[in-house]
């Protein structure tokens, strides 16, 4: 298993909901050699960064020219996540081409690469979600889902899918979600603050976590990235797909089985 304290960690989308929870969990492990990348724009997600400790920050358009060999692990969570975005060319550049650039940098420099795919890749097959479904059988219903699916397919054709780790996120919501752009919010955000929100018959998550003064949950465990599907190989030992509410800590535990040198 990789020692995350060795070398710099790049977290794209680091000011976002999942990214900020991940950085918080890394900080709890004493890890601060983190390069955060995002597009802060005009919303208030910058506030998610305030209580976090990291070495440097870059806007996303500056990152490709600033990639360096000191980076040893990449968590690529940044993307346009709006399922209503209609500019297909923008989604190709931002979600597909950008991910290709980072993936090839990681492979050429022997870095670990964990990237965010999406449950939106299943599209019309959402009622038949299975690890055994061939990628070519998936039918995304919107351009966002297709931009994510396109990279999954590219990685398989290029023969690199078994050297990187893709996580297919379902709906996400929780404390640090409020600062993100309204266009990037999933429909599940409407349920944040309610007692329970039903995602599927088998996946339920409890919302309404208490916030502490540092902007995180009081117990540090109530973040809700929901990750029941792994794009690569077998799932980590002990992973239970029925326990889908995970924090930044649980995120690291979920991917730790894949964090080894290529």
Protein backbone atom coordinates (compact mmCIF):
# COMPACT_ATOMS: atom_id res chain seq x y z
CA UNK A 1 0.00 0.00 0.00
CA UNK A 2 1.21 3.52 -0.74
CA UNK A 3 2.41 5.75 2.06
CA UNK A 4 0.47 8.92 1.26
CA UNK A 5 2.88 10.97 3.36
CA UNK A 6 5.61 10.44 0.75
CA UNK A 7 5.47 12.89 -2.14
CA UNK A 8 2.91 15.51 -2.99
CA UNK A 9 -0.77 14.69 -3.40
CA UNK A 10 -2.79 16.47 -6.08
CA UNK A 11 -6.50 16.87 -5.40
CA UNK A 12 -8.47 18.38 -8.27
CA UNK A 13 -11.90 19.68 -7.36
CA UNK A 14 -10.41 20.20 -3.92
CA UNK A 15 -12.75 23.02 -2.95
CA UNK A 16 -15.78 20.93 -3.81
CA UNK A 17 -17.88 18.76 -1.56
CA UNK A 18 -16.02 15.46 -1.90
CA UNK A 19 -12.61 17.06 -2.47
CA UNK A 20 -12.74 19.16 0.70
CA UNK A 21 -13.83 16.13 2.73
CA UNK A 22 -10.91 14.15 1.31
CA UNK A 23 -8.40 16.89 2.13
CA UNK A 24 -9.82 17.12 5.64
CA UNK A 25 -9.29 13.37 6.09
CA UNK A 26 -5.72 13.67 4.80
CA UNK A 27 -5.10 16.50 7.26
CA UNK A 28 -6.35 14.29 10.08
CA UNK A 29 -3.59 11.85 9.09
CA UNK A 30 -1.02 14.63 9.37
CA UNK A 31 -0.73 15.03 5.59
CA UNK A 32 -0.43 18.60 4.34
CA UNK A 33 1.81 18.28 1.25
CA UNK A 34 -1.24 18.70 -0.94
CA UNK A 35 -1.66 20.65 -4.16
CA UNK A 36 -5.29 21.77 -4.44
CA UNK A 37 -6.73 22.53 -7.86
CA UNK A 38 -10.18 23.89 -8.64
CA UNK A 39 -12.12 26.65 -10.37
CA UNK A 40 -13.31 28.92 -7.59
CA UNK A 41 -15.31 31.21 -9.85
CA UNK A 42 -18.05 33.32 -8.29
CA UNK A 43 -19.67 30.93 -5.82
CA UNK A 44 -18.69 30.40 -2.20
CA UNK A 45 -17.01 27.01 -2.29
CA UNK A 46 -13.74 28.76 -1.41
CA UNK A 47 -15.07 28.68 2.15
CA UNK A 48 -14.61 24.90 2.15
CA UNK A 49 -10.84 25.49 1.91
CA UNK A 50 -10.55 27.86 4.86
CA UNK A 51 -10.16 25.22 7.63
CA UNK A 52 -7.94 22.96 5.51
CA UNK A 53 -4.14 22.73 5.40
CA UNK A 54 -2.34 22.32 2.08
CA UNK A 55 0.89 23.33 0.39
CA UNK A 56 -0.40 25.20 -2.65
CA UNK A 57 -3.45 26.07 -4.74
CA UNK A 58 -3.83 26.37 -8.53
CA UNK A 59 -6.70 27.25 -10.79
CA UNK A 60 -7.53 24.37 -13.14
CA UNK A 61 -6.39 26.12 -16.30
CA UNK A 62 -2.90 26.57 -14.82
CA UNK A 63 -2.42 22.98 -13.73
CA UNK A 64 -1.30 21.15 -16.93
CA UNK A 65 1.70 23.46 -17.35
CA UNK A 66 2.62 23.16 -13.66
CA UNK A 67 2.56 19.38 -13.25
CA UNK A 68 5.79 18.12 -11.76
CA UNK A 69 7.51 14.93 -10.72
CA UNK A 70 7.05 15.68 -7.02
CA UNK A 71 3.40 14.62 -7.34
CA UNK A 72 3.08 10.97 -6.31
CA UNK A 73 -0.70 10.55 -5.95
CA UNK A 74 -3.54 12.15 -7.90
CA UNK A 75 -7.16 12.27 -6.76
CA UNK A 76 -8.91 13.69 -9.81
CA UNK A 77 -12.32 14.81 -8.58
CA UNK A 78 -12.64 18.02 -10.58
CA UNK A 79 -15.11 18.19 -13.45
CA UNK A 80 -18.16 19.98 -14.70
CA UNK A 81 -20.77 17.94 -12.85
CA UNK A 82 -23.85 19.67 -14.16
CA UNK A 83 -26.16 17.09 -15.70
CA UNK A 84 -27.98 19.92 -17.50
CA UNK A 85 -24.89 21.36 -19.25
CA UNK A 86 -25.58 21.42 -22.99
CA UNK A 87 -22.20 22.64 -24.28
CA UNK A 88 -20.84 19.28 -25.42
CA UNK A 89 -17.51 20.74 -26.58
CA UNK A 90 -16.93 22.24 -23.13
CA UNK A 91 -17.66 18.91 -21.45
CA UNK A 92 -15.28 17.10 -23.79
CA UNK A 93 -12.47 19.54 -22.99
CA UNK A 94 -13.17 19.76 -19.27
CA UNK A 95 -14.18 16.19 -18.38
CA UNK A 96 -12.64 13.98 -21.06
CA UNK A 97 -9.47 15.64 -22.41
CA UNK A 98 -8.42 17.02 -19.02
CA UNK A 99 -8.75 13.58 -17.43
CA UNK A 100 -6.69 12.04 -20.25
CA UNK A 101 -3.93 14.59 -19.64
CA UNK A 102 -3.75 13.82 -15.92
CA UNK A 103 -3.99 10.06 -16.41
CA UNK A 104 -1.11 9.97 -18.87
CA UNK A 105 0.98 12.24 -16.66
CA UNK A 106 0.37 9.87 -13.76
CA UNK A 107 1.31 6.77 -15.75
CA UNK A 108 4.42 8.38 -17.24
CA UNK A 109 5.59 9.44 -13.78
CA UNK A 110 4.61 6.31 -11.84
CA UNK A 111 1.94 8.14 -9.83
CA UNK A 112 -1.19 6.64 -8.37
CA UNK A 113 -4.27 7.90 -10.22
CA UNK A 114 -7.78 7.79 -8.76
CA UNK A 115 -10.46 9.54 -10.78
CA UNK A 116 -14.16 10.27 -10.50
CA UNK A 117 -16.34 8.53 -13.03
CA UNK A 118 -20.10 8.66 -12.48
CA UNK A 119 -23.22 6.58 -12.09
CA UNK A 120 -24.57 8.78 -14.89
CA UNK A 121 -22.63 6.50 -17.24
CA UNK A 122 -25.27 3.80 -16.65
CA UNK A 123 -28.07 6.03 -17.92
CA UNK A 124 -31.01 3.97 -19.08
CA UNK A 125 -29.53 0.86 -17.50
CA UNK A 126 -29.71 2.24 -13.97
CA UNK A 127 -32.13 -0.48 -12.94
CA UNK A 128 -29.61 -3.15 -13.98
CA UNK A 129 -26.42 -1.81 -12.45
CA UNK A 130 -23.80 -4.54 -12.25
CA UNK A 131 -20.01 -4.75 -12.13
CA UNK A 132 -20.23 -7.30 -14.93
CA UNK A 133 -21.89 -4.96 -17.45
CA UNK A 134 -19.52 -4.34 -20.38
CA UNK A 135 -18.75 -0.66 -20.82
CA UNK A 136 -20.05 -0.69 -24.38
CA UNK A 137 -23.48 -1.71 -23.08
CA UNK A 138 -23.89 1.44 -20.98
CA UNK A 139 -26.23 4.13 -22.26
CA UNK A 140 -25.70 7.55 -20.63
CA UNK A 141 -28.70 9.82 -20.99
CA UNK A 142 -26.98 13.22 -20.86
CA UNK A 143 -23.76 14.75 -22.12
CA UNK A 144 -22.26 14.86 -18.64
CA UNK A 145 -22.68 11.11 -18.28
CA UNK A 146 -21.31 10.55 -21.76
CA UNK A 147 -18.21 12.68 -21.07
CA UNK A 148 -17.44 10.42 -18.10
CA UNK A 149 -18.26 7.26 -20.04
CA UNK A 150 -16.02 8.37 -22.88
CA UNK A 151 -12.96 8.38 -20.63
CA UNK A 152 -13.80 4.98 -19.11
CA UNK A 153 -13.99 3.56 -22.62
CA UNK A 154 -10.82 5.35 -23.72
CA UNK A 155 -8.90 4.00 -20.73
CA UNK A 156 -9.97 0.47 -21.54
CA UNK A 157 -9.08 0.77 -25.24
CA UNK A 158 -5.72 2.34 -24.38
CA UNK A 159 -4.97 -0.56 -22.05
CA UNK A 160 -4.62 1.61 -18.95
CA UNK A 161 -7.84 0.84 -17.08
CA UNK A 162 -6.12 -1.80 -14.95
CA UNK A 163 -3.41 0.70 -13.97
CA UNK A 164 -5.73 3.43 -12.69
CA UNK A 165 -8.77 3.51 -10.41
CA UNK A 166 -12.16 4.91 -11.40
CA UNK A 167 -14.96 5.42 -8.88
CA UNK A 168 -18.55 5.71 -10.07
CA UNK A 169 -20.28 8.16 -7.78
CA UNK A 170 -24.01 8.18 -7.28
CA UNK A 171 -25.85 11.12 -5.69
CA UNK A 172 -23.91 13.14 -3.14
CA UNK A 173 -25.01 15.66 -0.54
CA UNK A 174 -23.87 16.96 2.82
CA UNK A 175 -22.48 19.91 4.82
CA UNK A 176 -19.89 21.28 2.38
CA UNK A 177 -22.26 21.09 -0.57
CA UNK A 178 -24.01 24.39 0.06
CA UNK A 179 -21.18 26.55 -1.30
CA UNK A 180 -21.04 24.95 -4.73
CA UNK A 181 -22.55 26.43 -7.85
CA UNK A 182 -26.23 25.70 -8.26
CA UNK A 183 -25.52 24.24 -11.69
CA UNK A 184 -23.22 21.60 -10.23
CA UNK A 185 -25.68 20.34 -7.64
CA UNK A 186 -27.38 17.03 -8.10
CA UNK A 187 -31.11 16.69 -7.56
CA UNK A 188 -30.37 15.00 -4.26
CA UNK A 189 -29.32 18.36 -2.85
CA UNK A 190 -33.00 19.20 -2.53
CA UNK A 191 -33.22 16.50 0.12
CA UNK A 192 -30.30 17.74 2.22
CA UNK A 193 -31.57 18.59 5.69
CA UNK A 194 -34.38 16.08 5.56
CA UNK A 195 -34.13 13.02 7.76
CA UNK A 196 -33.69 10.46 5.01
CA UNK A 197 -33.35 10.55 1.24
CA UNK A 198 -33.95 7.43 -0.84
CA UNK A 199 -31.44 7.02 -3.67
CA UNK A 200 -32.23 3.45 -4.70
CA UNK A 201 -34.00 0.57 -3.02
CA UNK A 202 -30.67 -0.60 -1.62
CA UNK A 203 -28.93 2.73 -0.98
CA UNK A 204 -30.21 5.09 1.65
CA UNK A 205 -28.39 7.94 3.29
CA UNK A 206 -29.16 10.07 6.32
CA UNK A 207 -28.64 13.81 5.98
CA UNK A 208 -28.86 16.78 8.31
CA UNK A 209 -25.41 16.49 9.94
CA UNK A 210 -24.36 18.97 12.59
CA UNK A 211 -21.74 21.51 11.58
CA UNK A 212 -18.89 22.50 13.89
CA UNK A 213 -17.09 25.85 14.00
CA UNK A 214 -14.48 24.76 11.45
CA UNK A 215 -17.13 24.21 8.80
CA UNK A 216 -16.95 20.43 9.02
CA UNK A 217 -19.32 18.04 10.72
CA UNK A 218 -19.09 17.82 14.46
CA UNK A 219 -17.92 14.22 14.40
CA UNK A 220 -15.89 14.55 11.20
CA UNK A 221 -17.68 11.54 9.75
CA UNK A 222 -20.87 12.84 8.18
CA UNK A 223 -19.82 13.42 4.61
CA UNK A 224 -21.75 11.53 1.99
CA UNK A 225 -19.90 10.64 -1.19
CA UNK A 226 -21.70 7.49 -2.30
CA UNK A 227 -19.41 5.09 -4.11
CA UNK A 228 -20.94 1.65 -4.69
CA UNK A 229 -19.22 0.88 -7.98
CA UNK A 230 -15.54 0.49 -8.81
CA UNK A 231 -14.48 0.72 -12.44
CA UNK A 232 -11.33 -1.30 -11.93
CA UNK A 233 -10.96 -4.93 -10.89
CA UNK A 234 -12.40 -6.28 -7.68
CA UNK A 235 -13.59 -4.08 -4.86
CA UNK A 236 -11.36 -3.65 -1.80
CA UNK A 237 -11.51 -6.30 0.89
CA UNK A 238 -14.23 -5.50 3.38
CA UNK A 239 -16.08 -3.10 1.07
CA UNK A 240 -19.81 -3.37 1.67
CA UNK A 241 -21.93 -1.87 -1.15
CA UNK A 242 -24.89 -1.64 1.21
CA UNK A 243 -22.99 0.77 3.47
CA UNK A 244 -22.87 3.69 1.12
CA UNK A 245 -22.61 6.70 3.45
CA UNK A 246 -18.91 7.43 3.70
CA UNK A 247 -16.80 10.24 5.07
CA UNK A 248 -13.42 11.52 3.94
CA UNK A 249 -11.89 8.84 6.16
CA UNK A 250 -14.02 6.11 4.62
CA UNK A 251 -13.16 7.38 1.15
CA UNK A 252 -9.46 6.80 1.82
CA UNK A 253 -10.20 3.38 3.28
CA UNK A 254 -12.24 2.47 0.19
CA UNK A 255 -9.48 3.32 -2.27
CA UNK A 256 -6.52 2.25 -0.15
CA UNK A 257 -6.45 -1.20 -1.72
CA UNK A 258 -5.68 0.43 -5.07
CA UNK A 259 -3.09 2.94 -3.87
CA UNK A 260 0.08 1.19 -4.87
CA UNK A 261 2.76 2.12 -7.40
CA UNK A 262 1.94 1.25 -11.01
